[in-house]
Protein backbone atom coordinates (compact mmCIF):
# COMPACT_ATOMS: atom_id res chain seq x y z
CA MET A 1 -0.23 -0.27 -0.27
CA SER A 2 1.31 3.54 -0.82
CA GLN A 3 1.84 5.77 2.15
CA LEU A 4 1.42 9.67 2.67
CA GLN A 5 4.36 10.87 3.78
CA ASP A 6 6.06 14.42 4.33
CA ASN A 7 9.46 15.80 3.74
CA TYR A 8 9.96 15.47 7.77
CA GLY A 9 9.32 11.39 7.74
CA ARG A 10 6.00 11.84 9.01
CA ARG A 11 3.34 9.60 8.02
CA PHE A 12 -0.42 10.57 7.51
CA HIS A 13 -2.86 8.01 9.03
CA TYR A 14 -5.98 10.10 10.08
CA LEU A 15 -8.05 12.35 8.23
CA ARG A 16 -10.29 15.13 9.45
CA LEU A 17 -12.73 15.51 6.95
CA SER A 18 -15.34 18.41 7.57
CA VAL A 19 -18.86 17.64 5.89
CA THR A 20 -20.56 21.17 6.86
CA ASP A 21 -19.19 24.77 7.70
CA ALA A 22 -22.58 25.51 9.41
CA CYS A 23 -23.53 25.23 13.31
CA ASN A 24 -26.13 26.20 15.60
CA PHE A 25 -24.18 27.44 18.44
CA LYS A 26 -22.64 30.81 19.32
CA CYS A 27 -19.51 29.73 21.05
CA THR A 28 -17.68 33.10 22.15
CA TYR A 29 -14.17 31.77 20.77
CA CYS A 30 -15.07 30.09 17.55
CA LEU A 31 -18.75 32.02 15.97
CA PRO A 32 -19.58 34.68 18.09
CA ASP A 33 -22.18 36.30 15.89
CA GLY A 34 -23.48 32.80 14.70
CA TYR A 35 -23.11 31.14 11.95
CA GLN A 36 -23.04 33.47 8.90
CA SER A 37 -24.60 31.15 5.39
CA GLN A 38 -21.82 32.33 2.41
CA GLY A 39 -25.12 31.00 0.15
CA ASP A 40 -23.14 30.04 -2.65
CA SER A 41 -20.93 27.28 -1.13
CA GLN A 42 -21.55 23.55 -2.06
CA PHE A 43 -20.35 21.20 0.18
CA LEU A 44 -18.94 17.76 -0.48
CA SER A 45 -21.90 15.50 -1.81
CA LEU A 46 -22.15 11.69 -0.88
CA SER A 47 -20.69 10.54 -3.80
CA GLU A 48 -17.83 12.85 -3.62
CA ILE A 49 -17.20 11.74 0.04
CA GLU A 50 -16.99 8.49 -1.16
CA LEU A 51 -14.58 8.92 -3.74
CA LEU A 52 -12.21 10.67 -1.50
CA VAL A 53 -12.25 8.30 1.91
CA ASP A 54 -11.66 5.52 -0.55
CA ALA A 55 -8.22 7.37 -2.16
CA PHE A 56 -7.10 8.39 1.50
CA SER A 57 -7.65 4.75 2.36
CA GLN A 58 -5.50 3.45 0.12
CA LEU A 59 -2.95 5.96 0.73
CA GLY A 60 -2.54 4.41 4.41
CA THR A 61 -5.23 6.70 6.13
CA GLN A 62 -7.15 4.35 9.10
CA LYS A 63 -9.02 6.89 10.70
CA VAL A 64 -11.58 9.41 9.92
CA ARG A 65 -12.63 12.27 12.09
CA ILE A 66 -16.19 13.86 10.72
CA THR A 67 -16.43 17.08 11.83
CA GLY A 68 -18.18 20.41 10.81
CA GLY A 69 -19.45 22.92 11.87
CA GLU A 70 -21.96 20.87 13.52
CA PRO A 71 -21.81 17.75 11.25
CA SER A 72 -24.84 16.35 12.12
CA LEU A 73 -26.93 19.38 10.52
CA ARG A 74 -26.15 17.51 7.38
CA LYS A 75 -29.59 15.53 6.85
CA ASP A 76 -27.69 12.59 5.51
CA PHE A 77 -24.76 12.35 8.69
CA ILE A 78 -25.71 8.82 8.68
CA ASP A 79 -25.24 8.17 5.41
CA ILE A 80 -21.86 9.44 5.48
CA ILE A 81 -21.06 7.43 8.55
CA SER A 82 -21.91 4.46 7.03
CA ILE A 83 -19.83 5.16 3.94
CA VAL A 84 -16.77 6.41 5.94
CA ALA A 85 -17.32 2.85 7.92
CA ASN A 86 -17.59 0.45 5.15
CA THR A 87 -14.35 1.70 3.41
CA PRO A 88 -11.83 -0.76 3.04
CA ASN A 89 -8.96 -0.42 5.93
CA ILE A 90 -10.63 2.71 7.73
CA ARG A 91 -10.30 0.93 10.81
CA THR A 92 -11.93 4.15 13.09
CA VAL A 93 -14.61 6.41 12.04
CA ALA A 94 -14.96 9.50 14.81
CA THR A 95 -16.98 12.69 15.12
CA THR A 96 -16.59 15.80 17.15
CA THR A 97 -20.21 17.41 17.74
CA ASN A 98 -21.65 19.76 19.88
CA GLY A 99 -24.07 16.98 21.12
CA TYR A 100 -27.51 18.82 20.37
CA ARG A 101 -28.81 15.83 18.46
CA LEU A 102 -26.62 13.04 20.49
CA GLU A 103 -29.40 12.05 23.31
CA LYS A 104 -31.86 11.04 20.45
CA ASN A 105 -29.36 9.59 17.59
CA ALA A 106 -26.13 7.79 19.99
CA GLN A 107 -27.46 4.53 19.05
CA ALA A 108 -28.26 5.28 15.32
CA TRP A 109 -25.18 6.90 14.86
CA TYR A 110 -23.39 3.92 16.88
CA GLY A 111 -25.37 1.23 14.39
CA ALA A 112 -24.07 3.12 11.37
CA GLY A 113 -20.38 2.28 12.30
CA LEU A 114 -19.12 5.54 14.46
CA ARG A 115 -17.07 4.50 17.09
CA ARG A 116 -15.84 7.25 18.91
CA ILE A 117 -17.39 10.79 19.85
CA ASN A 118 -16.22 14.00 20.72
CA VAL A 119 -18.57 16.10 22.38
CA SER A 120 -18.05 20.07 23.08
CA ILE A 121 -18.94 20.83 26.57
CA ASP A 122 -16.67 24.23 27.82
CA SER A 123 -18.05 24.26 31.71
CA LEU A 124 -20.25 21.96 34.01
CA ASP A 125 -21.69 25.11 35.39
CA PRO A 126 -24.96 25.46 33.39
CA LYS A 127 -24.95 29.44 33.66
CA MET A 128 -21.17 29.49 32.31
CA PHE A 129 -21.96 26.82 29.27
CA TYR A 130 -24.73 29.25 28.17
CA GLN A 131 -22.56 32.07 28.30
CA ILE A 132 -19.80 30.53 26.23
CA THR A 133 -21.86 28.56 23.87
CA GLY A 134 -25.13 31.06 23.77
CA GLU A 135 -27.51 28.47 23.83
CA ASN A 136 -29.29 26.99 26.92
CA ARG A 137 -28.56 23.00 26.32
CA PHE A 138 -26.27 21.87 28.94
CA ASP A 139 -28.85 19.46 30.48
CA GLN A 140 -29.70 18.29 26.91
CA VAL A 141 -25.91 17.81 25.89
CA MET A 142 -25.18 16.04 29.03
CA ARG A 143 -28.31 13.35 28.51
CA GLY A 144 -26.64 12.67 25.50
CA VAL A 145 -23.28 11.89 26.59
CA ASP A 146 -25.12 9.42 28.63
CA ALA A 147 -26.86 8.43 25.91
CA ALA A 148 -23.11 7.65 24.25
CA LEU A 149 -22.07 5.46 26.94
CA GLU A 150 -25.39 3.58 26.47
CA ALA A 151 -24.71 3.10 23.22
CA GLY A 152 -21.04 1.43 23.58
CA PHE A 153 -18.93 3.76 22.14
CA GLU A 154 -15.39 2.89 22.20
CA ARG A 155 -14.30 6.08 23.50
CA VAL A 156 -16.63 9.28 24.95
CA LYS A 157 -14.06 12.38 24.81
CA ILE A 158 -15.23 15.66 26.08
CA ASN A 159 -13.55 18.75 24.53
CA ALA A 160 -13.40 21.99 26.43
CA VAL A 161 -11.79 25.02 25.35
CA LEU A 162 -9.76 26.63 28.45
CA LEU A 163 -10.36 30.25 28.56
CA LYS A 164 -8.78 32.39 31.51
CA GLY A 165 -11.80 34.06 33.08
CA LEU A 166 -14.54 32.24 32.05
CA ASN A 167 -14.06 28.21 32.35
CA SER A 168 -10.59 28.16 34.00
CA GLN A 169 -11.85 27.72 37.48
CA ASP A 170 -13.76 24.30 36.32
CA LEU A 171 -10.84 21.95 36.67
CA PRO A 172 -11.76 20.50 40.08
CA ARG A 173 -15.28 20.17 39.17
CA PHE A 174 -14.05 18.46 35.96
CA LEU A 175 -11.96 16.11 37.92
CA HIS A 176 -14.78 15.49 40.39
CA TRP A 177 -16.98 14.44 37.27
CA ILE A 178 -14.76 11.98 35.49
CA LYS A 179 -13.79 10.54 38.80
CA HIS A 180 -16.39 7.84 38.10
CA MET A 181 -17.07 9.02 34.45
CA PRO A 182 -15.53 6.53 32.27
CA VAL A 183 -14.88 9.25 29.35
CA ASP A 184 -11.19 11.45 28.33
CA LEU A 185 -11.76 14.91 28.87
CA ARG A 186 -9.63 17.09 26.68
CA PHE A 187 -8.82 20.37 27.38
CA ILE A 188 -7.78 22.15 24.12
CA GLU A 189 -5.18 25.69 24.69
CA LEU A 190 -6.88 28.77 23.08
CA MET A 191 -5.62 29.42 19.70
CA GLU A 192 -5.08 32.93 18.41
CA THR A 193 -6.98 33.37 14.89
CA GLY A 194 -7.34 35.99 12.58
CA LEU A 195 -10.59 37.27 13.61
CA GLY A 196 -10.28 37.21 17.52
CA ARG A 197 -6.95 38.68 18.64
CA GLU A 198 -8.10 40.74 21.48
CA TYR A 199 -10.09 37.32 22.61
CA PHE A 200 -7.00 35.70 22.43
CA LYS A 201 -5.53 38.15 24.35
CA ALA A 202 -7.66 38.12 27.35
CA HIS A 203 -8.76 34.69 27.74
CA HIS A 204 -5.48 32.38 26.64
CA LEU A 205 -4.26 30.27 29.39
CA ALA A 206 -1.28 28.30 29.18
CA GLY A 207 -1.98 24.46 29.12
CA THR A 208 1.73 23.77 30.00
CA GLN A 209 0.23 25.47 33.52
CA VAL A 210 -2.62 22.41 33.79
CA LYS A 211 0.04 19.50 33.11
CA LEU A 212 2.42 20.64 35.81
CA GLN A 213 -0.50 20.35 37.74
CA LEU A 214 -1.56 16.90 37.09
CA ILE A 215 1.77 16.09 37.40
CA ARG A 216 1.64 17.26 40.73
CA ASP A 217 -1.20 15.49 41.21
CA GLY A 218 -0.27 11.94 40.43
CA TRP A 219 -1.81 11.72 36.66
CA GLN A 220 0.55 9.66 34.65
CA LEU A 221 1.36 10.61 31.04
CA ASP A 222 0.16 7.48 28.68
CA LYS A 223 2.29 6.25 25.85
CA ALA A 224 0.52 7.41 22.60
CA ASP A 225 -0.63 5.36 19.79
CA ILE A 226 -0.37 5.39 15.90
CA LEU A 227 -4.16 7.12 15.79
CA ASP A 228 -3.85 9.42 18.47
CA GLY A 229 -4.44 13.03 18.31
CA PRO A 230 -2.15 16.13 18.95
CA ALA A 231 -3.27 15.57 22.74
CA GLN A 232 -1.21 14.29 25.52
CA ASN A 233 -2.98 12.14 27.42
CA PHE A 234 -2.72 11.25 31.30
CA SER A 235 -4.73 8.87 33.43
CA HIS A 236 -4.72 8.22 37.05
CA SER A 237 -5.35 5.32 39.46
CA ASP A 238 -8.13 6.79 41.34
CA TYR A 239 -10.23 7.75 38.32
CA GLN A 240 -12.23 6.23 35.59
CA GLY A 241 -11.79 9.04 33.47
CA ARG A 242 -8.81 10.23 31.34
CA ILE A 243 -7.34 13.80 30.67
CA GLY A 244 -5.66 14.72 27.34
CA LEU A 245 -4.21 18.26 26.81
CA ILE A 246 -3.74 19.97 23.46
CA MET A 247 -1.37 22.42 23.38
CA PRO A 248 -0.61 24.07 20.18
CA TYR A 249 2.18 26.30 21.49
CA GLU A 250 4.06 23.78 22.79
CA LYS A 251 7.43 22.98 21.75
CA ASN A 252 7.71 20.50 19.53
CA PHE A 253 3.70 20.11 19.08
CA CYS A 254 3.97 19.35 14.80
CA VAL A 255 6.90 16.58 15.64
CA SER A 256 4.32 13.52 15.53
CA CYS A 257 1.65 15.51 13.44
CA ASN A 258 -0.32 12.17 11.69
CA ARG A 259 -3.54 14.34 10.59
CA LEU A 260 -4.92 15.82 7.36
CA ARG A 261 -7.92 17.96 6.85
CA VAL A 262 -10.46 18.05 4.04
CA SER A 263 -12.87 20.97 4.23
CA ALA A 264 -16.46 20.94 3.51
CA LYS A 265 -15.69 22.47 0.52
CA GLY A 266 -13.13 19.97 -0.75
CA LYS A 267 -9.89 21.50 -0.21
CA LEU A 268 -6.85 19.64 1.34
CA HIS A 269 -5.57 21.51 4.28
CA LEU A 270 -1.72 20.39 4.92
CA CYS A 271 -2.07 22.30 8.51
CA LEU A 272 -5.09 22.18 10.72
CA PHE A 273 -4.36 26.03 11.58
CA THR A 274 -4.32 27.46 8.61
CA GLU A 275 -7.35 28.26 5.93
CA ASN A 276 -4.65 27.67 2.75
CA GLY A 277 -5.81 24.99 0.84
CA VAL A 278 -5.87 22.92 -2.38
CA ASN A 279 -9.03 22.24 -4.39
CA LEU A 280 -9.90 18.48 -4.62
CA LYS A 281 -13.38 18.59 -6.15
CA ASP A 282 -12.51 18.51 -9.57
CA LEU A 283 -10.95 14.86 -8.67
CA LEU A 284 -13.87 13.75 -7.42
CA GLN A 285 -16.48 13.47 -10.13
CA ASP A 286 -15.60 9.82 -10.96
CA LYS A 287 -14.40 6.71 -9.62
CA SER A 288 -11.80 6.74 -13.04
CA GLN A 289 -10.00 10.13 -11.67
CA THR A 290 -8.97 8.08 -8.40
CA PRO A 291 -5.33 7.47 -9.78
CA GLU A 292 -5.00 11.48 -10.11
CA LEU A 293 -6.42 12.21 -7.08
CA MET A 294 -4.12 10.09 -4.88
CA ALA A 295 -1.49 11.71 -6.96
CA ARG A 296 -2.21 15.20 -6.23
CA LEU A 297 -2.15 14.22 -2.62
CA GLN A 298 1.09 12.66 -2.69
CA GLN A 299 2.56 15.55 -4.33
CA GLN A 300 0.97 18.12 -1.76
CA LEU A 301 2.69 16.32 0.97
CA GLY A 302 5.88 17.93 -0.32
CA TYR A 303 4.57 21.15 0.45
CA LYS A 304 4.23 20.62 4.26
CA THR A 305 6.11 22.46 6.38
CA ALA A 306 7.54 21.45 9.73
CA ALA A 307 5.83 23.29 11.92
CA HIS A 308 2.53 25.84 12.32
CA SER A 309 3.56 29.77 12.48
CA LEU A 310 1.21 30.18 15.27
CA HIS A 311 4.30 31.82 17.31
CA GLN A 312 4.98 34.25 15.14
CA GLY A 313 1.22 35.35 14.80
CA ILE A 314 0.21 33.83 11.75
CA THR A 315 -2.73 32.22 12.31
CA GLY A 316 -5.14 32.42 8.99
CA VAL A 317 -8.98 32.84 9.87
CA THR A 318 -9.66 29.41 11.26
CA THR A 319 -12.49 29.81 13.63
CA HIS A 320 -13.63 25.94 14.64
CA LEU A 321 -11.43 25.60 17.66
CA ALA A 322 -13.84 22.91 19.11
CA SER A 323 -13.33 20.48 16.61
CA ILE A 324 -9.19 21.09 17.03
CA GLY A 325 -9.61 18.33 19.60
CA GLY A 326 -8.99 14.74 18.40
C-alpha cells in the first residue's frame, strides 16, 4: 500500500473530514455572531465523500474524524458515517459534535458504524455553558453523553477550550466528574485566530500550567498510539476517566503530526491551523479519477512545512477551535 508521507518522515494515518461549515451554536471563541451562510458554497456530496475517503484509505489512512461546523446538521449524516465505516482499511470512524442531537441519535450513529465521539462541553456550570456557547442546552448535551456511553462507543471524549476568566476555574469540577465517569476529558488551549486577537489576549491560558498541576497530583502520561490525535493523555489510578491536553503552542507540537484535513468545500489543508487549501473537488467526480487524486495528495505532502506559524502570529482565519481536539 502507498503511504502519505512528508519530507520530514511524518506519516499521515488520520483524516479530519469536514462535511459542513454550518453550526447552530454561537461559541464566543469560534462563532460569536453565529454561523453566517455564504449562500454560494457547495459542500461535499455523498458520492464525493465516498471517492475522497476511498483514495485516502488507499494511501494508508486508517482513521477518519467527521467534523464541521456541526456535522449532525447534515440530513444525510448517518449516510456519511456508513460510507466512511464501510470503506476498506478504515479502522476507526469518529466525529466531533456539540451534542445537541446526540441524545436522540447516539444509538443510530453507532449502528451506522461510528465508534468514537467527541462532545464539546466547555463548562459543567450550566450558566457558564450558556455564556460561552450562547445556547441554554447544557442538560440536553449531558444527557447526550449518557446516551453515547449507553450506546457502547469505544471512546467518549469531552472537548473543553481553556478560557482564562471564564471556565479556567472549572478544573476541580471536571476532575470530580471523571472520578467515576469513563470519559476522556480534553482541554484545548485557546488558539489565536485572525478573527479574534483581542479575545485571545484576554482569555488565553497556557495548557502547560494545567499539565504541571496534573503531574503534581499524580497523573501519569500515557503512551501514544499511532492513531491518536495531538493530545497528551494522562491517567490516574483513582479515576475512571482520563485527561488529554492539546497545546499547540508547546515546543515540538508538530513533530508527531499525523493528520490532514479536508474542508467541507473539498479543499486539502496540510495544516489544521491555516485556511490555505488545495482544491480536490475537480477530481471527485468519477472513480476513474482516483489515481490522479492520489497522485495530487502525494504531491501536496511535499509542500507541508515542519511546523505551524502560530508563534509568529500567522493564524489564518480558522475559527472552529472546538473541533481541533482529536
